[in-house]
């Protein structure tokens, strides 16, 4: 799954993706950037 890295300012493949849930119930995928190691997340559809 691809996400946007705020540090690299580029779209990258998320390394070690894990599906998680926010406090208000939205689904998201969390992981790290393969280039710089910064945390990345992407909100996904709940369907």
PDB file of N, CA and C in Angstrom:
ATOM      1  N   UNK A   1       0.849  -1.167   0.000  1.00  0.00           N
ATOM      2  CA  UNK A   1       0.000   0.000   0.000  1.00  0.00           C
ATOM      3  C   UNK A   1       0.900   1.238   0.000  1.00  0.00           C
ATOM      4  N   UNK A   2       0.490   2.228  -0.771  1.00  0.00           N
ATOM      5  CA  UNK A   2       1.275   3.448  -0.864  1.00  0.00           C
ATOM      6  C   UNK A   2       0.714   4.534   0.044  1.00  0.00           C
ATOM      7  N   UNK A   3       1.594   5.378   0.539  1.00  0.00           N
ATOM      8  CA  UNK A   3       1.221   6.495   1.389  1.00  0.00           C
ATOM      9  C   UNK A   3       2.146   7.667   1.098  1.00  0.00           C
ATOM     10  N   UNK A   4       1.851   8.813   1.674  1.00  0.00           N
ATOM     11  CA  UNK A   4       2.642  10.012   1.445  1.00  0.00           C
ATOM     12  C   UNK A   4       3.553  10.262   2.642  1.00  0.00           C
ATOM     13  N   UNK A   5       4.847  10.380   2.376  1.00  0.00           N
ATOM     14  CA  UNK A   5       5.815  10.679   3.425  1.00  0.00           C
ATOM     15  C   UNK A   5       5.975  12.191   3.518  1.00  0.00           C
ATOM     16  N   UNK A   6       5.715  12.737   4.697  1.00  0.00           N
ATOM     17  CA  UNK A   6       5.792  14.182   4.893  1.00  0.00           C
ATOM     18  C   UNK A   6       7.241  14.676   4.896  1.00  0.00           C
ATOM     19  N   UNK A   7       8.170  13.847   5.296  1.00  0.00           N
ATOM     20  CA  UNK A   7       9.576  14.259   5.352  1.00  0.00           C
ATOM     21  C   UNK A   7      10.215  14.226   3.958  1.00  0.00           C
ATOM     22  N   UNK A   8       9.956  13.158   3.195  1.00  0.00           N
ATOM     23  CA  UNK A   8      10.516  13.029   1.839  1.00  0.00           C
ATOM     24  C   UNK A   8       9.734  13.839   0.809  1.00  0.00           C
ATOM     25  N   UNK A   9       8.491  14.197   1.132  1.00  0.00           N
ATOM     26  CA  UNK A   9       7.581  14.891   0.207  1.00  0.00           C
ATOM     27  C   UNK A   9       7.353  14.063  -1.059  1.00  0.00           C
ATOM     28  N   UNK A  10       7.125  12.752  -0.853  1.00  0.00           N
ATOM     29  CA  UNK A  10       6.920  11.853  -1.982  1.00  0.00           C
ATOM     30  C   UNK A  10       5.990  10.712  -1.580  1.00  0.00           C
ATOM     31  N   UNK A  11       5.374  10.092  -2.575  1.00  0.00           N
ATOM     32  CA  UNK A  11       4.542   8.917  -2.355  1.00  0.00           C
ATOM     33  C   UNK A  11       5.441   7.686  -2.369  1.00  0.00           C
ATOM     34  N   UNK A  12       5.352   6.910  -1.320  1.00  0.00           N
ATOM     35  CA  UNK A  12       6.200   5.723  -1.189  1.00  0.00           C
ATOM     36  C   UNK A  12       5.368   4.530  -0.726  1.00  0.00           C
ATOM     37  N   UNK A  13       5.913   3.349  -0.929  1.00  0.00           N
ATOM     38  CA  UNK A  13       5.301   2.114  -0.440  1.00  0.00           C
ATOM     39  C   UNK A  13       5.498   2.065   1.074  1.00  0.00           C
ATOM     40  N   UNK A  14       4.443   1.791   1.833  1.00  0.00           N
ATOM     41  CA  UNK A  14       4.532   1.748   3.294  1.00  0.00           C
ATOM     42  C   UNK A  14       5.218   0.452   3.716  1.00  0.00           C
ATOM     43  N   UNK A  15       6.268   0.590   4.518  1.00  0.00           N
ATOM     44  CA  UNK A  15       7.017  -0.568   5.011  1.00  0.00           C
ATOM     45  C   UNK A  15       6.361  -1.069   6.289  1.00  0.00           C
ATOM     46  N   UNK A  16       6.199  -2.369   6.427  1.00  0.00           N
ATOM     47  CA  UNK A  16       5.584  -3.012   7.594  1.00  0.00           C
ATOM     48  C   UNK A  16       4.199  -2.435   7.909  1.00  0.00           C
ATOM     49  N   UNK A  17       3.251  -2.499   6.958  1.00  0.00           N
ATOM     50  CA  UNK A  17       1.919  -1.920   7.199  1.00  0.00           C
ATOM     51  C   UNK A  17       1.121  -2.710   8.234  1.00  0.00           C
ATOM     52  N   UNK A  18       0.417  -1.957   9.091  1.00  0.00           N
ATOM     53  CA  UNK A  18      -0.439  -2.544  10.122  1.00  0.00           C
ATOM     54  C   UNK A  18      -1.755  -1.787  10.107  1.00  0.00           C
ATOM     55  N   UNK A  19      -2.864  -2.516  10.039  1.00  0.00           N
ATOM     56  CA  UNK A  19      -4.174  -1.865  10.059  1.00  0.00           C
ATOM     57  C   UNK A  19      -4.506  -1.480  11.497  1.00  0.00           C
ATOM     58  N   UNK A  20      -4.991  -0.253  11.676  1.00  0.00           N
ATOM     59  CA  UNK A  20      -5.322   0.248  13.011  1.00  0.00           C
ATOM     60  C   UNK A  20      -6.623   1.036  12.949  1.00  0.00           C
ATOM     61  N   UNK A  21      -7.092   1.447  14.111  1.00  0.00           N
ATOM     62  CA  UNK A  21      -8.331   2.209  14.221  1.00  0.00           C
ATOM     63  C   UNK A  21      -8.037   3.474  15.028  1.00  0.00           C
ATOM     64  N   UNK A  22      -8.589   4.605  14.590  1.00  0.00           N
ATOM     65  CA  UNK A  22      -8.416   5.850  15.331  1.00  0.00           C
ATOM     66  C   UNK A  22      -9.383   5.879  16.509  1.00  0.00           C
ATOM     67  N   UNK A  23      -9.256   6.888  17.345  1.00  0.00           N
ATOM     68  CA  UNK A  23     -10.131   7.025  18.508  1.00  0.00           C
ATOM     69  C   UNK A  23     -11.593   7.188  18.109  1.00  0.00           C
ATOM     70  N   UNK A  24     -11.827   7.875  16.979  1.00  0.00           N
ATOM     71  CA  UNK A  24     -13.214   8.113  16.559  1.00  0.00           C
ATOM     72  C   UNK A  24     -13.725   7.046  15.597  1.00  0.00           C
ATOM     73  N   UNK A  25     -12.991   5.955  15.382  1.00  0.00           N
ATOM     74  CA  UNK A  25     -13.501   4.819  14.632  1.00  0.00           C
ATOM     75  C   UNK A  25     -13.120   4.734  13.169  1.00  0.00           C
ATOM     76  N   UNK A  26     -12.239   5.598  12.674  1.00  0.00           N
ATOM     77  CA  UNK A  26     -11.813   5.521  11.276  1.00  0.00           C
ATOM     78  C   UNK A  26     -10.692   4.497  11.132  1.00  0.00           C
ATOM     79  N   UNK A  27     -10.723   3.737  10.030  1.00  0.00           N
ATOM     80  CA  UNK A  27      -9.671   2.766   9.761  1.00  0.00           C
ATOM     81  C   UNK A  27      -8.485   3.456   9.098  1.00  0.00           C
ATOM     82  N   UNK A  28      -7.278   2.963   9.443  1.00  0.00           N
ATOM     83  CA  UNK A  28      -6.087   3.495   8.808  1.00  0.00           C
ATOM     84  C   UNK A  28      -5.003   2.429   8.789  1.00  0.00           C
ATOM     85  N   UNK A  29      -4.009   2.655   7.945  1.00  0.00           N
ATOM     86  CA  UNK A  29      -2.854   1.772   7.866  1.00  0.00           C
ATOM     87  C   UNK A  29      -1.650   2.563   8.356  1.00  0.00           C
ATOM     88  N   UNK A  30      -0.906   1.990   9.299  1.00  0.00           N
ATOM     89  CA  UNK A  30       0.275   2.640   9.851  1.00  0.00           C
ATOM     90  C   UNK A  30       1.514   1.853   9.453  1.00  0.00           C
ATOM     91  N   UNK A  31       2.623   2.566   9.274  1.00  0.00           N
ATOM     92  CA  UNK A  31       3.883   1.917   8.936  1.00  0.00           C
ATOM     93  C   UNK A  31       5.000   2.937   8.912  1.00  0.00           C
ATOM     94  N   UNK A  32       6.108   2.591   8.265  1.00  0.00           N
ATOM     95  CA  UNK A  32       7.239   3.488   8.182  1.00  0.00           C
ATOM     96  C   UNK A  32       7.665   3.691   6.738  1.00  0.00           C
ATOM     97  N   UNK A  33       8.375   4.783   6.494  1.00  0.00           N
ATOM     98  CA  UNK A  33       8.906   5.085   5.171  1.00  0.00           C
ATOM     99  C   UNK A  33      10.172   4.253   4.956  1.00  0.00           C
ATOM    100  N   UNK A  34      10.295   3.571   3.818  1.00  0.00           N
ATOM    101  CA  UNK A  34      11.483   2.754   3.580  1.00  0.00           C
ATOM    102  C   UNK A  34      12.749   3.582   3.352  1.00  0.00           C
ATOM    103  N   UNK A  35      12.614   4.832   2.975  1.00  0.00           N
ATOM    104  CA  UNK A  35      13.777   5.679   2.697  1.00  0.00           C
ATOM    105  C   UNK A  35      14.332   6.351   3.949  1.00  0.00           C
ATOM    106  N   UNK A  36      13.461   7.019   4.718  1.00  0.00           N
ATOM    107  CA  UNK A  36      13.947   7.833   5.840  1.00  0.00           C
ATOM    108  C   UNK A  36      13.549   7.286   7.212  1.00  0.00           C
ATOM    109  N   UNK A  37      12.608   6.339   7.271  1.00  0.00           N
ATOM    110  CA  UNK A  37      12.212   5.744   8.547  1.00  0.00           C
ATOM    111  C   UNK A  37      11.153   6.520   9.312  1.00  0.00           C
ATOM    112  N   UNK A  38      10.596   7.569   8.719  1.00  0.00           N
ATOM    113  CA  UNK A  38       9.556   8.363   9.358  1.00  0.00           C
ATOM    114  C   UNK A  38       8.253   7.574   9.403  1.00  0.00           C
ATOM    115  N   UNK A  39       7.450   7.779  10.461  1.00  0.00           N
ATOM    116  CA  UNK A  39       6.149   7.127  10.553  1.00  0.00           C
ATOM    117  C   UNK A  39       5.239   7.660   9.465  1.00  0.00           C
ATOM    118  N   UNK A  40       4.461   6.762   8.851  1.00  0.00           N
ATOM    119  CA  UNK A  40       3.501   7.125   7.811  1.00  0.00           C
ATOM    120  C   UNK A  40       2.155   6.533   8.183  1.00  0.00           C
ATOM    121  N   UNK A  41       1.083   7.159   7.748  1.00  0.00           N
ATOM    122  CA  UNK A  41      -0.240   6.557   7.899  1.00  0.00           C
ATOM    123  C   UNK A  41      -1.113   6.981   6.731  1.00  0.00           C
ATOM    124  N   UNK A  42      -2.119   6.158   6.469  1.00  0.00           N
ATOM    125  CA  UNK A  42      -3.053   6.432   5.384  1.00  0.00           C
ATOM    126  C   UNK A  42      -4.423   5.978   5.842  1.00  0.00           C
ATOM    127  N   UNK A  43      -5.407   6.859   5.701  1.00  0.00           N
ATOM    128  CA  UNK A  43      -6.780   6.499   6.029  1.00  0.00           C
ATOM    129  C   UNK A  43      -7.351   5.666   4.891  1.00  0.00           C
ATOM    130  N   UNK A  44      -8.107   4.612   5.252  1.00  0.00           N
ATOM    131  CA  UNK A  44      -8.690   3.732   4.251  1.00  0.00           C
ATOM    132  C   UNK A  44     -10.207   3.689   4.447  1.00  0.00           C
ATOM    133  N   UNK A  45     -10.874   3.184   3.439  1.00  0.00           N
ATOM    134  CA  UNK A  45     -12.314   3.074   3.478  1.00  0.00           C
ATOM    135  C   UNK A  45     -12.754   2.052   4.509  1.00  0.00           C
ATOM    136  N   UNK A  46     -13.859   2.317   5.163  1.00  0.00           N
ATOM    137  CA  UNK A  46     -14.360   1.385   6.175  1.00  0.00           C
ATOM    138  C   UNK A  46     -15.183   0.258   5.557  1.00  0.00           C
ATOM    139  N   UNK A  47     -15.379   0.289   4.262  1.00  0.00           N
ATOM    140  CA  UNK A  47     -16.167  -0.749   3.579  1.00  0.00           C
ATOM    141  C   UNK A  47     -15.366  -1.983   3.302  1.00  0.00           C
TER     142      UNK A  47
END
